[in-house]
C-alpha cells in the first residue's frame, strides 16, 4: 500500500505503528507486573505469618533461657560472696572479684 497517496509518509506510518506496538508491550508488561505483585503479596502473607510464629516461639525459648541464666547468676553471685567473705577472714585482704555476668537474654539493658 502506498501511504503517500493518503498524505501520510511511510516513515511516519511506521513510527506510529511502532509506537502503538511499543505502548501495547509496555501495557502488557505493566499488567504482568501487577499480576505478579498481587500473586507475591498473597504468597508473602502466608510466609510472613509463619515467620512471625517462629519469632514468637523463639522469643519464648529465649525468655526461658533468660530465667535460667538469672537463677544461675544468682547462685554464682552467692557463691562468690561466700568465697569473698572467707578470703577476707583468712587473708585479711579483699577477694579479687573477677565475676562477669553477661546479659544473654531478650531483655533490653537498663539505661
N, C-alpha and C. Protein backbone atom coordinates (compact mmCIF):
# COMPACT_ATOMS: atom_id res chain seq x y z
N UNK A 1 0.84 -1.17 0.00
CA UNK A 1 0.00 0.00 0.00
C UNK A 1 0.89 1.24 0.00
N UNK A 2 0.52 2.23 -0.72
CA UNK A 2 1.31 3.44 -0.83
C UNK A 2 0.71 4.51 0.07
N UNK A 3 1.37 4.73 1.17
CA UNK A 3 0.88 5.67 2.18
C UNK A 3 0.94 7.10 1.67
N UNK A 4 1.82 7.36 0.74
CA UNK A 4 1.96 8.74 0.25
C UNK A 4 0.70 9.20 -0.47
N UNK A 5 -0.13 8.24 -0.95
CA UNK A 5 -1.37 8.62 -1.63
C UNK A 5 -2.38 9.22 -0.66
N UNK A 6 -2.26 8.87 0.60
CA UNK A 6 -3.20 9.36 1.60
C UNK A 6 -2.63 10.55 2.39
N UNK A 7 -1.49 11.07 1.95
CA UNK A 7 -0.89 12.21 2.62
C UNK A 7 -0.10 11.84 3.86
N UNK A 8 0.22 10.56 4.04
CA UNK A 8 0.99 10.12 5.20
C UNK A 8 2.28 9.51 4.68
N UNK A 9 3.37 10.00 5.16
CA UNK A 9 4.68 9.47 4.78
C UNK A 9 4.83 8.06 5.38
N UNK A 10 5.47 7.14 4.67
CA UNK A 10 5.62 5.76 5.14
C UNK A 10 6.45 5.71 6.41
N UNK A 11 7.43 6.58 6.57
CA UNK A 11 8.23 6.59 7.81
C UNK A 11 7.37 7.00 9.00
N UNK A 12 6.47 7.99 8.75
CA UNK A 12 5.57 8.42 9.82
C UNK A 12 4.61 7.31 10.20
N UNK A 13 4.08 6.60 9.18
CA UNK A 13 3.16 5.50 9.45
C UNK A 13 3.87 4.39 10.22
N UNK A 14 5.09 4.05 9.83
CA UNK A 14 5.85 3.03 10.55
C UNK A 14 6.14 3.47 11.98
N UNK A 15 6.42 4.75 12.16
CA UNK A 15 6.67 5.26 13.51
C UNK A 15 5.42 5.14 14.37
N UNK A 16 4.27 5.47 13.79
CA UNK A 16 3.02 5.36 14.55
C UNK A 16 2.71 3.91 14.88
N UNK A 17 2.94 3.00 13.93
CA UNK A 17 2.70 1.57 14.18
C UNK A 17 3.66 1.06 15.25
N UNK A 18 4.93 1.46 15.13
CA UNK A 18 5.92 1.03 16.12
C UNK A 18 5.59 1.60 17.49
N UNK A 19 5.15 2.85 17.54
CA UNK A 19 4.79 3.47 18.82
C UNK A 19 3.61 2.75 19.45
N UNK A 20 2.60 2.41 18.65
CA UNK A 20 1.43 1.70 19.17
C UNK A 20 1.84 0.31 19.68
N UNK A 21 2.70 -0.37 18.93
CA UNK A 21 3.16 -1.70 19.36
C UNK A 21 3.97 -1.57 20.65
N UNK A 22 4.81 -0.55 20.73
CA UNK A 22 5.62 -0.32 21.93
C UNK A 22 4.71 -0.07 23.14
N UNK A 23 3.68 0.76 22.94
CA UNK A 23 2.76 1.05 24.04
C UNK A 23 2.01 -0.19 24.47
N UNK A 24 1.63 -1.07 23.53
CA UNK A 24 0.96 -2.32 23.88
C UNK A 24 1.90 -3.23 24.69
N UNK A 25 3.16 -3.30 24.27
CA UNK A 25 4.13 -4.13 25.00
C UNK A 25 4.32 -3.60 26.42
N UNK A 26 4.42 -2.29 26.55
CA UNK A 26 4.58 -1.69 27.88
C UNK A 26 3.36 -1.96 28.74
N UNK A 27 2.18 -1.83 28.17
CA UNK A 27 0.94 -2.10 28.91
C UNK A 27 0.87 -3.57 29.33
N UNK A 28 1.26 -4.47 28.43
CA UNK A 28 1.27 -5.90 28.77
C UNK A 28 2.25 -6.18 29.91
N UNK A 29 3.42 -5.59 29.84
CA UNK A 29 4.40 -5.79 30.91
C UNK A 29 3.89 -5.22 32.22
N UNK A 30 3.27 -4.07 32.16
CA UNK A 30 2.71 -3.46 33.37
C UNK A 30 1.66 -4.37 33.99
N UNK A 31 0.78 -4.93 33.16
CA UNK A 31 -0.25 -5.84 33.66
C UNK A 31 0.38 -7.10 34.24
N UNK A 32 1.43 -7.59 33.58
CA UNK A 32 2.12 -8.78 34.08
C UNK A 32 2.73 -8.49 35.45
N UNK A 33 3.38 -7.33 35.59
CA UNK A 33 3.99 -6.97 36.87
C UNK A 33 2.93 -6.79 37.95
N UNK A 34 1.80 -6.18 37.62
CA UNK A 34 0.72 -6.03 38.59
C UNK A 34 0.21 -7.39 39.06
N UNK A 35 0.06 -8.31 38.12
CA UNK A 35 -0.40 -9.65 38.47
C UNK A 35 0.62 -10.36 39.36
N UNK A 36 1.90 -10.24 39.02
CA UNK A 36 2.94 -10.87 39.83
C UNK A 36 3.01 -10.28 41.22
N UNK A 37 2.85 -8.97 41.30
CA UNK A 37 2.88 -8.32 42.61
C UNK A 37 1.73 -8.82 43.48
N UNK A 38 0.54 -8.93 42.91
CA UNK A 38 -0.59 -9.41 43.72
C UNK A 38 -0.41 -10.87 44.09
N UNK A 39 0.14 -11.69 43.17
CA UNK A 39 0.40 -13.09 43.49
C UNK A 39 1.45 -13.20 44.60
N UNK A 40 2.50 -12.41 44.51
CA UNK A 40 3.54 -12.44 45.53
C UNK A 40 3.04 -11.94 46.87
N UNK A 41 2.17 -10.94 46.85
CA UNK A 41 1.63 -10.43 48.11
C UNK A 41 0.85 -11.52 48.84
N UNK A 42 0.08 -12.29 48.09
CA UNK A 42 -0.69 -13.38 48.71
C UNK A 42 0.26 -14.45 49.25
N UNK A 43 1.28 -14.79 48.47
CA UNK A 43 2.24 -15.81 48.91
C UNK A 43 3.05 -15.30 50.11
N UNK A 44 3.44 -14.04 50.07
CA UNK A 44 4.24 -13.48 51.15
C UNK A 44 3.46 -13.35 52.44
N UNK A 45 2.16 -13.18 52.36
CA UNK A 45 1.35 -13.07 53.57
C UNK A 45 1.43 -14.37 54.38
N UNK A 46 1.33 -15.50 53.72
CA UNK A 46 1.41 -16.77 54.45
C UNK A 46 2.82 -17.02 54.97
N UNK A 47 3.82 -16.62 54.19
CA UNK A 47 5.20 -16.78 54.66
C UNK A 47 5.45 -15.87 55.87
N UNK A 48 4.94 -14.65 55.81
CA UNK A 48 5.11 -13.72 56.91
C UNK A 48 4.45 -14.24 58.19
N UNK A 49 3.30 -14.86 58.06
CA UNK A 49 2.65 -15.45 59.24
C UNK A 49 3.50 -16.55 59.85
N UNK A 50 4.08 -17.39 59.00
CA UNK A 50 4.94 -18.46 59.52
C UNK A 50 6.19 -17.89 60.18
N UNK A 51 6.78 -16.85 59.60
CA UNK A 51 7.97 -16.24 60.19
C UNK A 51 7.64 -15.62 61.53
N UNK A 52 6.51 -14.91 61.61
CA UNK A 52 6.11 -14.29 62.89
C UNK A 52 5.86 -15.35 63.96
N UNK A 53 5.25 -16.47 63.57
CA UNK A 53 5.02 -17.55 64.55
C UNK A 53 6.36 -18.10 65.03
N UNK A 54 7.30 -18.26 64.12
CA UNK A 54 8.64 -18.73 64.50
C UNK A 54 9.34 -17.75 65.43
N UNK A 55 9.23 -16.47 65.15
CA UNK A 55 9.83 -15.45 66.02
C UNK A 55 9.21 -15.50 67.41
N UNK A 56 7.89 -15.67 67.46
CA UNK A 56 7.20 -15.74 68.76
C UNK A 56 7.70 -16.94 69.56
N UNK A 57 7.82 -18.09 68.88
CA UNK A 57 8.28 -19.30 69.58
C UNK A 57 9.72 -19.14 70.05
N UNK A 58 10.57 -18.56 69.21
CA UNK A 58 11.97 -18.36 69.60
C UNK A 58 12.09 -17.37 70.75
N UNK A 59 11.23 -16.38 70.78
CA UNK A 59 11.24 -15.41 71.88
C UNK A 59 10.86 -16.11 73.19
N UNK A 60 9.92 -17.02 73.13
CA UNK A 60 9.53 -17.77 74.33
C UNK A 60 10.69 -18.63 74.82
N UNK A 61 11.37 -19.29 73.91
CA UNK A 61 12.51 -20.13 74.30
C UNK A 61 13.61 -19.27 74.90
N UNK A 62 13.86 -18.11 74.27
CA UNK A 62 14.90 -17.22 74.78
C UNK A 62 14.53 -16.69 76.17
N UNK A 63 13.25 -16.45 76.39
CA UNK A 63 12.81 -16.00 77.71
C UNK A 63 13.06 -17.07 78.76
N UNK A 64 12.85 -18.34 78.40
CA UNK A 64 13.13 -19.42 79.34
C UNK A 64 14.62 -19.52 79.64
N UNK A 65 15.46 -19.34 78.63
CA UNK A 65 16.91 -19.33 78.86
C UNK A 65 17.29 -18.16 79.76
N UNK A 66 16.62 -17.03 79.58
CA UNK A 66 16.90 -15.85 80.39
C UNK A 66 16.61 -16.14 81.86
N UNK A 67 15.48 -16.78 82.13
CA UNK A 67 15.13 -17.13 83.51
C UNK A 67 16.17 -18.08 84.09
N UNK A 68 16.62 -19.03 83.31
CA UNK A 68 17.64 -19.97 83.75
C UNK A 68 18.94 -19.24 84.05
N UNK A 69 19.32 -18.29 83.19
CA UNK A 69 20.54 -17.52 83.41
C UNK A 69 20.45 -16.68 84.67
N UNK A 70 19.29 -16.10 84.93
CA UNK A 70 19.14 -15.29 86.14
C UNK A 70 19.32 -16.14 87.40
N UNK A 71 18.75 -17.34 87.39
CA UNK A 71 18.91 -18.24 88.55
C UNK A 71 20.38 -18.63 88.70
N UNK A 72 21.02 -18.99 87.60
CA UNK A 72 22.44 -19.37 87.63
C UNK A 72 23.30 -18.20 88.12
N UNK A 73 23.01 -16.99 87.63
CA UNK A 73 23.80 -15.83 88.06
C UNK A 73 23.59 -15.53 89.54
N UNK A 74 22.38 -15.73 90.03
CA UNK A 74 22.12 -15.53 91.46
C UNK A 74 22.92 -16.53 92.29
N UNK A 75 22.91 -17.77 91.87
CA UNK A 75 23.67 -18.80 92.61
C UNK A 75 25.17 -18.52 92.56
N UNK A 76 25.67 -18.16 91.39
CA UNK A 76 27.10 -17.87 91.28
C UNK A 76 27.47 -16.63 92.09
N UNK A 77 26.58 -15.64 92.12
CA UNK A 77 26.83 -14.44 92.92
C UNK A 77 26.91 -14.77 94.40
N UNK A 78 26.02 -15.63 94.87
CA UNK A 78 26.05 -16.04 96.28
C UNK A 78 27.33 -16.80 96.59
N UNK A 79 27.74 -17.67 95.69
CA UNK A 79 28.98 -18.42 95.88
C UNK A 79 30.17 -17.46 95.94
N UNK A 80 30.21 -16.48 95.07
CA UNK A 80 31.30 -15.51 95.09
C UNK A 80 31.32 -14.70 96.37
N UNK A 81 30.14 -14.35 96.89
CA UNK A 81 30.09 -13.61 98.15
C UNK A 81 30.64 -14.46 99.31
N UNK A 82 30.30 -15.73 99.31
CA UNK A 82 30.81 -16.62 100.37
C UNK A 82 32.32 -16.77 100.27
N UNK A 83 32.84 -16.93 99.06
CA UNK A 83 34.29 -17.06 98.86
C UNK A 83 34.98 -15.77 99.29
N UNK A 84 34.39 -14.60 98.91
CA UNK A 84 34.99 -13.33 99.28
C UNK A 84 35.03 -13.15 100.80
N UNK A 85 33.95 -13.58 101.48
CA UNK A 85 33.90 -13.47 102.94
C UNK A 85 34.98 -14.34 103.58
N UNK A 86 35.09 -15.59 103.11
CA UNK A 86 36.11 -16.48 103.67
C UNK A 86 37.53 -15.99 103.33
N UNK A 87 37.71 -15.46 102.15
CA UNK A 87 39.03 -14.94 101.73
C UNK A 87 39.42 -13.76 102.64
N UNK A 88 38.46 -12.88 102.90
CA UNK A 88 38.72 -11.70 103.74
C UNK A 88 39.10 -12.15 105.16
N UNK A 89 38.41 -13.16 105.69
CA UNK A 89 38.71 -13.65 107.03
C UNK A 89 40.08 -14.32 107.09
N UNK A 90 40.41 -15.07 106.04
CA UNK A 90 41.65 -15.84 106.04
C UNK A 90 42.87 -14.99 105.73
N UNK A 91 42.77 -14.13 104.71
CA UNK A 91 43.96 -13.41 104.25
C UNK A 91 43.96 -11.94 104.63
N UNK A 92 42.85 -11.41 105.12
CA UNK A 92 42.81 -10.03 105.57
C UNK A 92 42.76 -9.01 104.44
N UNK A 93 42.62 -9.46 103.23
CA UNK A 93 42.55 -8.56 102.07
C UNK A 93 41.29 -8.89 101.29
N UNK A 94 40.77 -7.90 100.59
CA UNK A 94 39.57 -8.20 99.80
C UNK A 94 39.83 -9.23 98.70
N UNK A 95 38.82 -10.01 98.45
CA UNK A 95 38.91 -11.02 97.38
C UNK A 95 38.89 -10.32 96.02
N UNK A 96 39.82 -10.68 95.12
CA UNK A 96 39.82 -10.06 93.79
C UNK A 96 38.63 -10.55 92.95
N UNK A 97 37.63 -9.72 92.84
CA UNK A 97 36.41 -10.11 92.14
C UNK A 97 36.65 -10.06 90.63
N UNK A 98 36.42 -11.18 89.98
CA UNK A 98 36.58 -11.26 88.53
C UNK A 98 35.30 -11.78 87.87
N UNK A 99 34.22 -11.71 88.61
CA UNK A 99 32.97 -12.26 88.11
C UNK A 99 32.32 -11.32 87.11
N UNK A 100 31.87 -11.88 86.02
CA UNK A 100 31.15 -11.11 85.00
C UNK A 100 29.91 -11.90 84.63
N UNK A 101 28.75 -11.27 84.73
CA UNK A 101 27.50 -11.91 84.37
C UNK A 101 26.96 -11.25 83.11
N UNK A 102 27.18 -11.85 81.96
CA UNK A 102 26.68 -11.24 80.72
C UNK A 102 25.17 -11.36 80.62
N UNK A 103 24.57 -10.43 79.90
CA UNK A 103 23.14 -10.50 79.65
C UNK A 103 22.94 -11.23 78.32
N UNK A 104 22.45 -12.44 78.38
CA UNK A 104 22.29 -13.23 77.17
C UNK A 104 20.83 -13.49 76.84
N UNK A 105 19.95 -12.73 77.45
CA UNK A 105 18.53 -12.97 77.20
C UNK A 105 17.95 -11.82 76.38
N UNK A 106 16.65 -11.84 76.21
CA UNK A 106 15.99 -10.88 75.32
C UNK A 106 15.60 -9.58 76.01
N UNK A 107 16.08 -9.36 77.21
CA UNK A 107 15.77 -8.11 77.89
C UNK A 107 16.66 -7.00 77.36
N UNK A 108 16.12 -5.79 77.37
CA UNK A 108 16.93 -4.65 76.98
C UNK A 108 17.74 -4.20 78.20
N UNK A 109 18.98 -3.79 78.00
CA UNK A 109 19.78 -3.37 79.14
C UNK A 109 19.21 -2.10 79.78
N UNK A 110 19.37 -1.99 81.08
CA UNK A 110 18.91 -0.80 81.81
C UNK A 110 19.81 0.36 81.47
N UNK A 111 19.19 1.52 81.27
CA UNK A 111 20.00 2.71 80.94
C UNK A 111 19.98 3.69 82.07
